[in-house]
Amino acid sequence: QDKKSVDILMINTIPVAGFQFDMTGITITGASGGSAGYAGFSISTGNNTVLGFSFSGSTIPPGSSILAQVSFTDYNPPLCIASPTFSDESGGALSVLIGACYN
């Protein structure tokens, strides 16, 4: 299988303490790096879901950055982000707007 990766861009105006989202159109094989990795987040994947949070309570500061790089196989367009859940420092849900799917 030909392995590929995609950068997930995040623009946030307040600190992000955790995130979870699904992806369609691909089979996720892993995720790492980006601002989540820099903040020391534990990033895991399973069932085409990406989950990230910090065991130490660190957050991703406000800004515009690559959240993480998702590796995948089996590209079957369109590639979409679905069911995003992002949380603030107190565990509250943040409003999320997702971009268009990628063809």
N, C-alpha and C. Protein backbone atom coordinates (compact mmCIF):
# COMPACT_ATOMS: atom_id res chain seq x y z
N GLN A 1 0.84 -1.19 0.00
CA GLN A 1 0.00 0.00 0.00
C GLN A 1 0.88 1.24 0.00
N ASP A 2 0.44 2.24 -0.72
CA ASP A 2 1.15 3.51 -0.79
C ASP A 2 0.70 4.39 0.37
N LYS A 3 1.62 4.65 1.31
CA LYS A 3 1.26 5.46 2.47
C LYS A 3 1.40 6.94 2.13
N LYS A 4 0.46 7.72 2.60
CA LYS A 4 0.41 9.15 2.37
C LYS A 4 0.13 9.85 3.69
N SER A 5 0.22 11.18 3.68
CA SER A 5 -0.14 11.93 4.87
C SER A 5 -0.80 13.24 4.47
N VAL A 6 -1.55 13.80 5.41
CA VAL A 6 -2.23 15.07 5.21
C VAL A 6 -2.05 15.90 6.47
N ASP A 7 -1.76 17.19 6.29
CA ASP A 7 -1.65 18.12 7.42
C ASP A 7 -3.03 18.66 7.75
N ILE A 8 -3.37 18.66 9.04
CA ILE A 8 -4.64 19.21 9.50
C ILE A 8 -4.35 20.61 10.05
N LEU A 9 -4.88 21.63 9.42
CA LEU A 9 -4.67 23.01 9.82
C LEU A 9 -5.72 23.42 10.85
N MET A 10 -5.27 24.12 11.90
CA MET A 10 -6.21 24.63 12.91
C MET A 10 -5.94 26.11 13.13
N ILE A 11 -7.00 26.88 13.14
CA ILE A 11 -6.94 28.29 13.52
C ILE A 11 -7.79 28.42 14.77
N ASN A 12 -7.16 28.77 15.90
CA ASN A 12 -7.90 28.86 17.16
C ASN A 12 -7.62 30.19 17.84
N THR A 13 -8.67 30.75 18.46
CA THR A 13 -8.53 32.04 19.13
C THR A 13 -8.39 31.89 20.64
N ILE A 14 -8.62 30.70 21.17
CA ILE A 14 -8.41 30.42 22.59
C ILE A 14 -7.63 29.11 22.71
N PRO A 15 -6.99 28.87 23.86
CA PRO A 15 -6.22 27.63 24.03
C PRO A 15 -7.10 26.38 23.86
N VAL A 16 -6.53 25.36 23.21
CA VAL A 16 -7.22 24.08 23.00
C VAL A 16 -6.56 23.03 23.90
N ALA A 17 -7.39 22.36 24.70
CA ALA A 17 -6.88 21.37 25.65
C ALA A 17 -7.08 19.94 25.17
N GLY A 18 -7.92 19.75 24.16
CA GLY A 18 -8.15 18.40 23.65
C GLY A 18 -8.96 18.45 22.37
N PHE A 19 -8.84 17.37 21.58
CA PHE A 19 -9.59 17.32 20.33
C PHE A 19 -9.86 15.88 19.94
N GLN A 20 -10.91 15.71 19.17
CA GLN A 20 -11.24 14.43 18.56
C GLN A 20 -12.00 14.70 17.28
N PHE A 21 -11.65 13.99 16.22
CA PHE A 21 -12.40 14.11 14.97
C PHE A 21 -12.25 12.83 14.18
N ASP A 22 -13.22 12.58 13.32
CA ASP A 22 -13.19 11.44 12.41
C ASP A 22 -12.77 11.94 11.03
N MET A 23 -12.29 11.02 10.20
CA MET A 23 -11.98 11.35 8.82
C MET A 23 -12.59 10.28 7.92
N THR A 24 -13.16 10.73 6.81
CA THR A 24 -13.74 9.82 5.83
C THR A 24 -12.96 9.93 4.53
N GLY A 25 -12.99 8.87 3.74
CA GLY A 25 -12.31 8.86 2.46
C GLY A 25 -10.90 8.30 2.54
N ILE A 26 -10.46 7.91 3.74
CA ILE A 26 -9.13 7.35 3.95
C ILE A 26 -9.19 6.29 5.05
N THR A 27 -8.13 5.52 5.16
CA THR A 27 -7.94 4.63 6.31
C THR A 27 -6.75 5.19 7.09
N ILE A 28 -7.02 5.74 8.28
CA ILE A 28 -5.98 6.37 9.09
C ILE A 28 -5.04 5.31 9.64
N THR A 29 -3.74 5.57 9.52
CA THR A 29 -2.73 4.64 10.06
C THR A 29 -1.95 5.26 11.22
N GLY A 30 -2.13 6.56 11.46
CA GLY A 30 -1.45 7.22 12.56
C GLY A 30 -1.59 8.72 12.48
N ALA A 31 -1.16 9.42 13.54
CA ALA A 31 -1.16 10.87 13.57
C ALA A 31 -0.10 11.32 14.56
N SER A 32 0.59 12.42 14.21
CA SER A 32 1.64 12.91 15.09
C SER A 32 2.03 14.32 14.71
N GLY A 33 2.90 14.90 15.52
CA GLY A 33 3.51 16.19 15.20
C GLY A 33 2.59 17.37 15.33
N GLY A 34 2.95 18.42 14.60
CA GLY A 34 2.19 19.65 14.59
C GLY A 34 2.17 20.33 15.96
N SER A 35 1.24 21.26 16.11
CA SER A 35 1.14 22.00 17.38
C SER A 35 0.72 21.08 18.52
N ALA A 36 -0.01 20.01 18.22
CA ALA A 36 -0.39 19.05 19.26
C ALA A 36 0.86 18.33 19.79
N GLY A 37 1.72 17.91 18.89
CA GLY A 37 2.96 17.26 19.30
C GLY A 37 3.86 18.21 20.06
N TYR A 38 3.95 19.46 19.59
CA TYR A 38 4.78 20.46 20.23
C TYR A 38 4.30 20.75 21.65
N ALA A 39 2.97 20.70 21.86
CA ALA A 39 2.39 20.95 23.19
C ALA A 39 2.48 19.71 24.09
N GLY A 40 3.03 18.61 23.57
CA GLY A 40 3.18 17.40 24.38
C GLY A 40 1.93 16.55 24.48
N PHE A 41 1.00 16.76 23.55
CA PHE A 41 -0.24 15.98 23.56
C PHE A 41 0.05 14.51 23.25
N SER A 42 -0.75 13.65 23.83
CA SER A 42 -0.79 12.24 23.44
C SER A 42 -1.78 12.18 22.28
N ILE A 43 -1.33 11.67 21.12
CA ILE A 43 -2.19 11.60 19.94
C ILE A 43 -2.37 10.13 19.58
N SER A 44 -3.62 9.70 19.50
CA SER A 44 -3.88 8.30 19.14
C SER A 44 -4.93 8.24 18.05
N THR A 45 -4.94 7.10 17.37
CA THR A 45 -5.91 6.90 16.29
C THR A 45 -6.52 5.51 16.41
N GLY A 46 -7.71 5.37 15.88
CA GLY A 46 -8.40 4.09 15.82
C GLY A 46 -9.76 4.27 15.20
N ASN A 47 -10.19 3.33 14.41
CA ASN A 47 -11.50 3.41 13.75
C ASN A 47 -11.71 4.73 13.01
N ASN A 48 -10.64 5.20 12.35
CA ASN A 48 -10.66 6.45 11.59
C ASN A 48 -10.98 7.68 12.42
N THR A 49 -10.62 7.61 13.72
CA THR A 49 -10.76 8.73 14.64
C THR A 49 -9.37 9.16 15.09
N VAL A 50 -9.17 10.47 15.22
CA VAL A 50 -7.94 11.03 15.77
C VAL A 50 -8.30 11.68 17.10
N LEU A 51 -7.55 11.35 18.15
CA LEU A 51 -7.81 11.85 19.50
C LEU A 51 -6.53 12.44 20.05
N GLY A 52 -6.60 13.64 20.62
CA GLY A 52 -5.42 14.26 21.18
C GLY A 52 -5.74 15.02 22.45
N PHE A 53 -4.88 14.86 23.47
CA PHE A 53 -5.02 15.59 24.72
C PHE A 53 -3.70 15.50 25.47
N SER A 54 -3.58 16.27 26.54
CA SER A 54 -2.36 16.29 27.33
C SER A 54 -2.61 15.68 28.70
N PHE A 55 -1.78 14.74 29.09
CA PHE A 55 -1.87 14.17 30.43
C PHE A 55 -1.44 15.20 31.48
N SER A 56 -0.60 16.17 31.08
CA SER A 56 -0.09 17.15 32.04
C SER A 56 -0.91 18.43 32.09
N GLY A 57 -1.95 18.52 31.26
CA GLY A 57 -2.81 19.70 31.27
C GLY A 57 -2.33 20.83 30.38
N SER A 58 -1.34 20.58 29.52
CA SER A 58 -0.88 21.65 28.62
C SER A 58 -1.93 21.89 27.54
N THR A 59 -1.82 23.04 26.90
CA THR A 59 -2.78 23.41 25.86
C THR A 59 -2.03 23.88 24.62
N ILE A 60 -2.77 23.91 23.51
CA ILE A 60 -2.26 24.48 22.27
C ILE A 60 -2.65 25.95 22.29
N PRO A 61 -1.66 26.86 22.25
CA PRO A 61 -1.98 28.28 22.33
C PRO A 61 -2.74 28.79 21.11
N PRO A 62 -3.42 29.93 21.25
CA PRO A 62 -4.12 30.51 20.11
C PRO A 62 -3.16 30.75 18.94
N GLY A 63 -3.68 30.59 17.74
CA GLY A 63 -2.87 30.84 16.55
C GLY A 63 -3.37 30.08 15.36
N SER A 64 -2.53 30.01 14.34
CA SER A 64 -2.82 29.28 13.11
C SER A 64 -1.64 28.36 12.87
N SER A 65 -1.90 27.06 12.90
CA SER A 65 -0.80 26.11 12.77
C SER A 65 -1.32 24.76 12.28
N ILE A 66 -0.37 23.90 11.94
CA ILE A 66 -0.74 22.52 11.63
C ILE A 66 -1.00 21.83 12.97
N LEU A 67 -2.20 21.34 13.17
CA LEU A 67 -2.57 20.66 14.40
C LEU A 67 -1.81 19.35 14.52
N ALA A 68 -1.83 18.56 13.47
CA ALA A 68 -1.14 17.26 13.43
C ALA A 68 -1.07 16.80 11.99
N GLN A 69 -0.18 15.84 11.75
CA GLN A 69 -0.09 15.23 10.43
C GLN A 69 -0.70 13.83 10.54
N VAL A 70 -1.68 13.56 9.71
CA VAL A 70 -2.38 12.27 9.72
C VAL A 70 -1.86 11.43 8.56
N SER A 71 -1.38 10.23 8.88
CA SER A 71 -0.93 9.31 7.84
C SER A 71 -2.06 8.34 7.51
N PHE A 72 -2.10 7.91 6.25
CA PHE A 72 -3.24 7.09 5.82
C PHE A 72 -2.88 6.24 4.62
N THR A 73 -3.77 5.29 4.35
CA THR A 73 -3.76 4.50 3.13
C THR A 73 -5.18 4.54 2.56
N ASP A 74 -5.38 3.89 1.45
CA ASP A 74 -6.72 3.70 0.87
C ASP A 74 -7.46 5.00 0.62
N TYR A 75 -6.84 5.94 -0.09
CA TYR A 75 -7.51 7.20 -0.41
C TYR A 75 -8.65 6.96 -1.38
N ASN A 76 -9.85 7.37 -0.96
CA ASN A 76 -11.07 7.22 -1.76
C ASN A 76 -11.86 8.52 -1.63
N PRO A 77 -11.57 9.52 -2.51
CA PRO A 77 -12.15 10.86 -2.35
C PRO A 77 -13.67 10.86 -2.28
N PRO A 78 -14.21 11.89 -1.62
CA PRO A 78 -13.51 13.00 -1.00
C PRO A 78 -13.01 12.66 0.41
N LEU A 79 -11.95 13.34 0.82
CA LEU A 79 -11.41 13.22 2.17
C LEU A 79 -12.08 14.31 3.01
N CYS A 80 -12.73 13.93 4.08
CA CYS A 80 -13.48 14.89 4.89
C CYS A 80 -13.19 14.70 6.38
N ILE A 81 -13.27 15.80 7.12
CA ILE A 81 -13.24 15.74 8.58
C ILE A 81 -14.69 15.72 9.04
N ALA A 82 -15.01 14.85 9.99
CA ALA A 82 -16.38 14.72 10.48
C ALA A 82 -16.39 14.65 12.01
N SER A 83 -17.49 15.03 12.59
CA SER A 83 -17.73 14.93 14.03
C SER A 83 -16.62 15.52 14.90
N PRO A 84 -16.19 16.76 14.62
CA PRO A 84 -15.11 17.33 15.43
C PRO A 84 -15.59 17.74 16.82
N THR A 85 -14.79 17.43 17.83
CA THR A 85 -15.04 17.86 19.20
C THR A 85 -13.73 18.43 19.73
N PHE A 86 -13.73 19.69 20.10
CA PHE A 86 -12.56 20.35 20.66
C PHE A 86 -12.95 20.91 22.02
N SER A 87 -12.02 20.89 22.98
CA SER A 87 -12.35 21.36 24.32
C SER A 87 -11.36 22.42 24.80
N ASP A 88 -11.86 23.27 25.72
CA ASP A 88 -11.02 24.30 26.32
C ASP A 88 -10.36 23.75 27.59
N GLU A 89 -9.66 24.62 28.30
CA GLU A 89 -8.90 24.21 29.47
C GLU A 89 -9.76 23.63 30.59
N SER A 90 -11.03 24.02 30.66
CA SER A 90 -11.91 23.50 31.70
C SER A 90 -12.76 22.33 31.21
N GLY A 91 -12.46 21.82 30.02
CA GLY A 91 -13.19 20.67 29.48
C GLY A 91 -14.46 21.04 28.75
N GLY A 92 -14.73 22.33 28.61
CA GLY A 92 -15.92 22.78 27.90
C GLY A 92 -15.77 22.62 26.40
N ALA A 93 -16.88 22.37 25.73
CA ALA A 93 -16.85 22.20 24.28
C ALA A 93 -16.65 23.53 23.59
N LEU A 94 -15.83 23.53 22.54
CA LEU A 94 -15.59 24.71 21.72
C LEU A 94 -16.39 24.61 20.43
N SER A 95 -16.84 25.74 19.92
CA SER A 95 -17.50 25.76 18.61
C SER A 95 -16.45 25.48 17.55
N VAL A 96 -16.79 24.64 16.58
CA VAL A 96 -15.84 24.24 15.55
C VAL A 96 -16.46 24.43 14.17
N LEU A 97 -15.72 25.07 13.29
CA LEU A 97 -16.10 25.15 11.88
C LEU A 97 -15.07 24.32 11.13
N ILE A 98 -15.54 23.42 10.27
CA ILE A 98 -14.60 22.63 9.49
C ILE A 98 -14.63 23.09 8.04
N GLY A 99 -13.48 22.96 7.39
CA GLY A 99 -13.36 23.37 6.00
C GLY A 99 -14.00 22.37 5.06
N ALA A 100 -13.96 22.70 3.81
CA ALA A 100 -14.52 21.84 2.77
C ALA A 100 -13.74 20.54 2.66
N CYS A 101 -14.38 19.54 2.13
CA CYS A 101 -13.72 18.26 1.89
C CYS A 101 -12.67 18.44 0.80
N TYR A 102 -11.70 17.54 0.76
CA TYR A 102 -10.64 17.58 -0.23
C TYR A 102 -10.85 16.50 -1.27
N ASN A 103 -10.83 16.91 -2.53
CA ASN A 103 -10.97 15.95 -3.62
C ASN A 103 -9.61 15.72 -4.23
